[in-house]
C-alpha cells in the first residue's frame, strides 16, 4: 500500500495479534486484485534503520511465500518491540497468523 488513506481503511478493520505482531486486514474492493501489504515498524521500537529494514524484508518474504497473496486482501502488519531476532520463528509466526486470517475470511 502506498497511501495514507489505504492504511486508515485497513487499520479500522478486523485484526489478529500475537505478542510480536498485530495484523489488520480487510477486503480490497478492486476487480481482479491481488493482496496488498503494508508494514509498520516504528522508529520508537527499532531505533536503527538497518533493523527496521531487515524486519520489513522478513515480513515481505513470508508474505510472498504464503498463499494469502491470491485472496484479494489488504494487510497491515504492525511490528511490536518484542519482535524476535530468529527468522525461522518469525516466519512460522507469520505463517500461522496468515493461515488464521485466511480461515476467518473463508468463513465470511
N, C-alpha and C. Protein backbone atom coordinates (compact mmCIF):
# COMPACT_ATOMS: atom_id res chain seq x y z
N UNK A 1 0.83 -1.17 0.00
CA UNK A 1 0.00 0.00 0.00
C UNK A 1 0.88 1.24 0.00
N UNK A 2 0.41 2.25 -0.66
CA UNK A 2 1.25 3.42 -0.82
C UNK A 2 0.69 4.68 -0.17
N UNK A 3 -0.61 4.73 0.07
CA UNK A 3 -1.21 5.98 0.53
C UNK A 3 -1.78 5.87 1.93
N UNK A 4 -1.83 7.01 2.58
CA UNK A 4 -2.31 7.09 3.96
C UNK A 4 -3.76 6.62 4.07
N UNK A 5 -4.58 6.93 3.10
CA UNK A 5 -6.00 6.55 3.16
C UNK A 5 -6.16 5.03 3.11
N UNK A 6 -5.28 4.35 2.39
CA UNK A 6 -5.32 2.89 2.37
C UNK A 6 -5.01 2.30 3.73
N UNK A 7 -4.01 2.87 4.40
CA UNK A 7 -3.67 2.41 5.75
C UNK A 7 -4.82 2.68 6.72
N UNK A 8 -5.43 3.87 6.64
CA UNK A 8 -6.53 4.22 7.55
C UNK A 8 -7.69 3.24 7.40
N UNK A 9 -8.01 2.91 6.16
CA UNK A 9 -9.12 1.99 5.90
C UNK A 9 -8.85 0.63 6.54
N UNK A 10 -7.66 0.13 6.41
CA UNK A 10 -7.33 -1.20 6.94
C UNK A 10 -7.18 -1.16 8.46
N UNK A 11 -6.61 -0.10 9.01
CA UNK A 11 -6.41 -0.02 10.46
C UNK A 11 -7.73 0.08 11.23
N UNK A 12 -8.81 0.42 10.55
CA UNK A 12 -10.13 0.46 11.20
C UNK A 12 -10.85 -0.89 11.08
N UNK A 13 -10.26 -1.83 10.40
CA UNK A 13 -10.90 -3.13 10.14
C UNK A 13 -10.49 -4.15 11.20
N UNK A 14 -10.78 -5.41 10.92
CA UNK A 14 -10.50 -6.51 11.85
C UNK A 14 -9.00 -6.70 12.01
N UNK A 15 -8.62 -7.33 13.13
CA UNK A 15 -7.21 -7.59 13.36
C UNK A 15 -7.03 -8.90 14.10
N UNK A 16 -5.81 -9.38 14.03
CA UNK A 16 -5.41 -10.59 14.74
C UNK A 16 -3.99 -10.33 15.25
N UNK A 17 -3.67 -10.84 16.45
CA UNK A 17 -2.39 -10.46 17.04
C UNK A 17 -1.78 -11.60 17.83
N UNK A 18 -0.48 -11.50 18.00
CA UNK A 18 0.25 -12.30 18.98
C UNK A 18 1.19 -11.33 19.70
N UNK A 19 2.13 -11.84 20.47
CA UNK A 19 2.95 -10.94 21.27
C UNK A 19 3.97 -10.15 20.45
N UNK A 20 4.23 -10.55 19.20
CA UNK A 20 5.22 -9.87 18.38
C UNK A 20 4.61 -9.02 17.27
N UNK A 21 3.44 -9.41 16.79
CA UNK A 21 2.85 -8.77 15.62
C UNK A 21 1.36 -8.53 15.82
N UNK A 22 0.86 -7.54 15.13
CA UNK A 22 -0.57 -7.32 15.05
C UNK A 22 -0.88 -7.09 13.58
N UNK A 23 -1.76 -7.90 13.02
CA UNK A 23 -2.08 -7.81 11.60
C UNK A 23 -3.51 -7.34 11.44
N UNK A 24 -3.69 -6.22 10.77
CA UNK A 24 -5.01 -5.70 10.43
C UNK A 24 -5.31 -6.16 9.01
N UNK A 25 -6.56 -6.50 8.74
CA UNK A 25 -6.90 -6.98 7.41
C UNK A 25 -8.31 -6.57 7.02
N UNK A 26 -8.51 -6.36 5.73
CA UNK A 26 -9.84 -6.10 5.18
C UNK A 26 -9.81 -6.47 3.70
N UNK A 27 -10.98 -6.64 3.14
CA UNK A 27 -11.08 -6.93 1.71
C UNK A 27 -10.73 -5.67 0.93
N UNK A 28 -10.03 -5.84 -0.18
CA UNK A 28 -9.91 -4.71 -1.09
C UNK A 28 -10.94 -4.93 -2.19
N UNK A 29 -11.56 -3.86 -2.59
CA UNK A 29 -12.73 -3.96 -3.44
C UNK A 29 -12.44 -3.63 -4.89
N UNK A 30 -11.25 -3.96 -5.34
CA UNK A 30 -10.89 -3.77 -6.74
C UNK A 30 -11.08 -5.08 -7.48
N UNK A 31 -11.50 -5.01 -8.72
CA UNK A 31 -11.68 -6.22 -9.51
C UNK A 31 -10.32 -6.84 -9.82
N UNK A 32 -10.28 -8.17 -9.78
CA UNK A 32 -9.06 -8.93 -10.10
C UNK A 32 -7.84 -8.42 -9.33
N UNK A 33 -8.05 -8.11 -8.08
CA UNK A 33 -6.95 -7.54 -7.31
C UNK A 33 -6.19 -8.61 -6.53
N UNK A 34 -4.93 -8.34 -6.34
CA UNK A 34 -4.10 -9.19 -5.50
C UNK A 34 -4.05 -8.58 -4.11
N UNK A 35 -3.58 -9.34 -3.18
CA UNK A 35 -3.44 -8.82 -1.83
C UNK A 35 -2.33 -7.78 -1.78
N UNK A 36 -2.54 -6.79 -0.92
CA UNK A 36 -1.55 -5.73 -0.74
C UNK A 36 -1.06 -5.77 0.70
N UNK A 37 0.17 -5.38 0.90
CA UNK A 37 0.80 -5.46 2.21
C UNK A 37 1.37 -4.11 2.60
N UNK A 38 1.11 -3.71 3.83
CA UNK A 38 1.73 -2.54 4.43
C UNK A 38 2.40 -2.96 5.72
N UNK A 39 3.54 -2.38 6.02
CA UNK A 39 4.30 -2.77 7.22
C UNK A 39 4.60 -1.51 8.03
N UNK A 40 4.32 -1.60 9.33
CA UNK A 40 4.63 -0.50 10.24
C UNK A 40 5.64 -1.01 11.26
N UNK A 41 6.86 -0.51 11.16
CA UNK A 41 7.92 -0.81 12.13
C UNK A 41 8.44 0.55 12.59
N UNK A 42 8.01 0.98 13.75
CA UNK A 42 8.27 2.36 14.18
C UNK A 42 9.71 2.57 14.64
N UNK A 43 10.12 3.81 14.50
CA UNK A 43 11.45 4.22 14.94
C UNK A 43 11.55 4.17 16.46
N UNK A 44 10.42 4.32 17.13
CA UNK A 44 10.40 4.26 18.59
C UNK A 44 10.79 2.87 19.09
N UNK A 45 10.31 1.83 18.40
CA UNK A 45 10.59 0.46 18.82
C UNK A 45 11.92 -0.06 18.29
N UNK A 46 12.31 0.39 17.10
CA UNK A 46 13.55 -0.08 16.46
C UNK A 46 14.33 1.15 16.00
N UNK A 47 15.28 1.56 16.79
CA UNK A 47 15.95 2.84 16.54
C UNK A 47 16.84 2.82 15.30
N UNK A 48 17.39 1.68 14.95
CA UNK A 48 18.29 1.61 13.80
C UNK A 48 17.52 1.27 12.53
N UNK A 49 17.80 2.00 11.47
CA UNK A 49 17.14 1.77 10.18
C UNK A 49 17.45 0.38 9.65
N UNK A 50 18.63 -0.12 9.94
CA UNK A 50 19.03 -1.46 9.50
C UNK A 50 18.07 -2.50 10.08
N UNK A 51 17.72 -2.35 11.35
CA UNK A 51 16.80 -3.29 11.99
C UNK A 51 15.41 -3.20 11.39
N UNK A 52 14.92 -1.97 11.18
CA UNK A 52 13.58 -1.79 10.59
C UNK A 52 13.52 -2.39 9.19
N UNK A 53 14.55 -2.16 8.39
CA UNK A 53 14.56 -2.69 7.03
C UNK A 53 14.66 -4.21 7.00
N UNK A 54 15.42 -4.79 7.91
CA UNK A 54 15.52 -6.25 7.99
C UNK A 54 14.18 -6.87 8.35
N UNK A 55 13.49 -6.27 9.30
CA UNK A 55 12.17 -6.75 9.69
C UNK A 55 11.20 -6.67 8.51
N UNK A 56 11.24 -5.57 7.79
CA UNK A 56 10.36 -5.43 6.63
C UNK A 56 10.67 -6.48 5.57
N UNK A 57 11.95 -6.76 5.34
CA UNK A 57 12.33 -7.79 4.37
C UNK A 57 11.80 -9.16 4.79
N UNK A 58 11.94 -9.49 6.07
CA UNK A 58 11.46 -10.78 6.56
C UNK A 58 9.95 -10.91 6.39
N UNK A 59 9.22 -9.86 6.69
CA UNK A 59 7.75 -9.90 6.58
C UNK A 59 7.34 -9.99 5.12
N UNK A 60 7.97 -9.22 4.24
CA UNK A 60 7.64 -9.29 2.82
C UNK A 60 7.91 -10.68 2.25
N UNK A 61 9.00 -11.30 2.66
CA UNK A 61 9.33 -12.63 2.17
C UNK A 61 8.32 -13.66 2.66
N UNK A 62 7.93 -13.58 3.92
CA UNK A 62 6.92 -14.51 4.44
C UNK A 62 5.59 -14.31 3.72
N UNK A 63 5.24 -13.07 3.43
CA UNK A 63 4.01 -12.77 2.69
C UNK A 63 4.09 -13.34 1.28
N UNK A 64 5.24 -13.20 0.65
CA UNK A 64 5.42 -13.70 -0.71
C UNK A 64 5.31 -15.22 -0.77
N UNK A 65 5.86 -15.90 0.24
CA UNK A 65 5.85 -17.35 0.25
C UNK A 65 4.49 -17.94 0.60
N UNK A 66 3.68 -17.18 1.29
CA UNK A 66 2.38 -17.70 1.72
C UNK A 66 1.35 -17.48 0.62
N UNK A 67 0.36 -18.31 0.58
CA UNK A 67 -0.63 -18.25 -0.50
C UNK A 67 -1.68 -17.18 -0.30
N UNK A 68 -1.59 -16.38 0.76
CA UNK A 68 -2.58 -15.34 1.01
C UNK A 68 -2.56 -14.27 -0.08
N UNK A 69 -1.48 -14.21 -0.84
CA UNK A 69 -1.36 -13.18 -1.87
C UNK A 69 -2.41 -13.30 -2.97
N UNK A 70 -3.09 -14.44 -3.07
CA UNK A 70 -4.07 -14.61 -4.13
C UNK A 70 -5.49 -14.32 -3.67
N UNK A 71 -5.68 -13.96 -2.41
CA UNK A 71 -7.04 -13.86 -1.90
C UNK A 71 -7.65 -12.46 -1.92
N UNK A 72 -6.95 -11.46 -2.37
CA UNK A 72 -7.52 -10.12 -2.51
C UNK A 72 -7.77 -9.40 -1.20
N UNK A 73 -6.80 -9.42 -0.30
CA UNK A 73 -6.92 -8.74 0.98
C UNK A 73 -5.92 -7.59 1.07
N UNK A 74 -6.28 -6.60 1.87
CA UNK A 74 -5.33 -5.57 2.26
C UNK A 74 -4.86 -5.92 3.67
N UNK A 75 -3.56 -5.98 3.87
CA UNK A 75 -3.00 -6.33 5.17
C UNK A 75 -2.04 -5.23 5.62
N UNK A 76 -2.11 -4.90 6.91
CA UNK A 76 -1.13 -4.02 7.52
C UNK A 76 -0.56 -4.76 8.71
N UNK A 77 0.76 -4.95 8.71
CA UNK A 77 1.44 -5.65 9.80
C UNK A 77 2.10 -4.61 10.69
N UNK A 78 1.67 -4.57 11.95
CA UNK A 78 2.25 -3.68 12.95
C UNK A 78 3.22 -4.50 13.78
N UNK A 79 4.49 -4.13 13.73
CA UNK A 79 5.54 -4.88 14.42
C UNK A 79 5.73 -4.29 15.82
N UNK A 80 5.63 -5.15 16.82
CA UNK A 80 5.83 -4.70 18.20
C UNK A 80 7.30 -4.84 18.57
N UNK A 81 7.69 -4.23 19.68
CA UNK A 81 9.10 -4.23 20.05
C UNK A 81 9.58 -5.58 20.58
N UNK A 82 8.70 -6.54 20.74
CA UNK A 82 9.09 -7.88 21.19
C UNK A 82 9.47 -8.78 20.01
N UNK A 83 9.63 -8.21 18.83
CA UNK A 83 9.93 -8.99 17.63
C UNK A 83 11.25 -9.73 17.80
N UNK A 84 11.23 -11.02 17.52
CA UNK A 84 12.39 -11.89 17.75
C UNK A 84 13.44 -11.72 16.66
N UNK A 85 14.67 -12.00 16.99
CA UNK A 85 15.77 -11.96 16.02
C UNK A 85 15.86 -13.25 15.21
N UNK A 86 15.21 -14.30 15.65
CA UNK A 86 15.26 -15.59 14.97
C UNK A 86 14.29 -15.59 13.79
N UNK A 87 14.81 -15.64 12.58
CA UNK A 87 13.97 -15.52 11.40
C UNK A 87 13.07 -16.73 11.19
N UNK A 88 13.49 -17.92 11.64
CA UNK A 88 12.65 -19.10 11.50
C UNK A 88 11.41 -19.00 12.38
N UNK A 89 11.58 -18.50 13.58
CA UNK A 89 10.45 -18.31 14.49
C UNK A 89 9.50 -17.27 13.92
N UNK A 90 10.04 -16.17 13.40
CA UNK A 90 9.22 -15.12 12.82
C UNK A 90 8.45 -15.63 11.62
N UNK A 91 9.10 -16.39 10.77
CA UNK A 91 8.45 -16.94 9.59
C UNK A 91 7.31 -17.87 9.98
N UNK A 92 7.53 -18.69 11.00
CA UNK A 92 6.49 -19.60 11.47
C UNK A 92 5.31 -18.81 12.06
N UNK A 93 5.60 -17.81 12.88
CA UNK A 93 4.53 -16.99 13.47
C UNK A 93 3.71 -16.29 12.41
N UNK A 94 4.38 -15.73 11.41
CA UNK A 94 3.67 -15.07 10.32
C UNK A 94 2.81 -16.05 9.54
N UNK A 95 3.35 -17.23 9.30
CA UNK A 95 2.59 -18.25 8.57
C UNK A 95 1.33 -18.64 9.34
N UNK A 96 1.45 -18.79 10.65
CA UNK A 96 0.29 -19.14 11.48
C UNK A 96 -0.75 -18.02 11.43
N UNK A 97 -0.31 -16.78 11.57
CA UNK A 97 -1.24 -15.65 11.54
C UNK A 97 -1.91 -15.50 10.17
N UNK A 98 -1.14 -15.67 9.09
CA UNK A 98 -1.72 -15.59 7.76
C UNK A 98 -2.75 -16.70 7.55
N UNK A 99 -2.48 -17.90 8.05
CA UNK A 99 -3.44 -19.00 7.94
C UNK A 99 -4.72 -18.70 8.71
N UNK A 100 -4.59 -18.11 9.89
CA UNK A 100 -5.77 -17.75 10.67
C UNK A 100 -6.61 -16.71 9.94
N UNK A 101 -5.95 -15.76 9.31
CA UNK A 101 -6.67 -14.73 8.55
C UNK A 101 -7.41 -15.37 7.38
N UNK A 102 -6.74 -16.27 6.67
CA UNK A 102 -7.40 -16.95 5.55
C UNK A 102 -8.61 -17.74 6.01
N UNK A 103 -8.50 -18.43 7.14
CA UNK A 103 -9.63 -19.20 7.66
C UNK A 103 -10.79 -18.29 8.03
N UNK A 104 -10.50 -17.16 8.66
CA UNK A 104 -11.57 -16.23 9.04
C UNK A 104 -12.24 -15.64 7.81
N UNK A 105 -11.46 -15.30 6.80
CA UNK A 105 -12.02 -14.71 5.59
C UNK A 105 -12.79 -15.74 4.77
N UNK A 106 -12.40 -17.00 4.84
CA UNK A 106 -13.10 -18.05 4.11
C UNK A 106 -14.47 -18.32 4.73
N UNK A 107 -14.58 -18.10 6.04
CA UNK A 107 -15.85 -18.34 6.73
C UNK A 107 -16.85 -17.22 6.54
N UNK A 108 -16.42 -16.07 6.04
CA UNK A 108 -17.34 -14.94 5.83
C UNK A 108 -18.16 -15.10 4.60
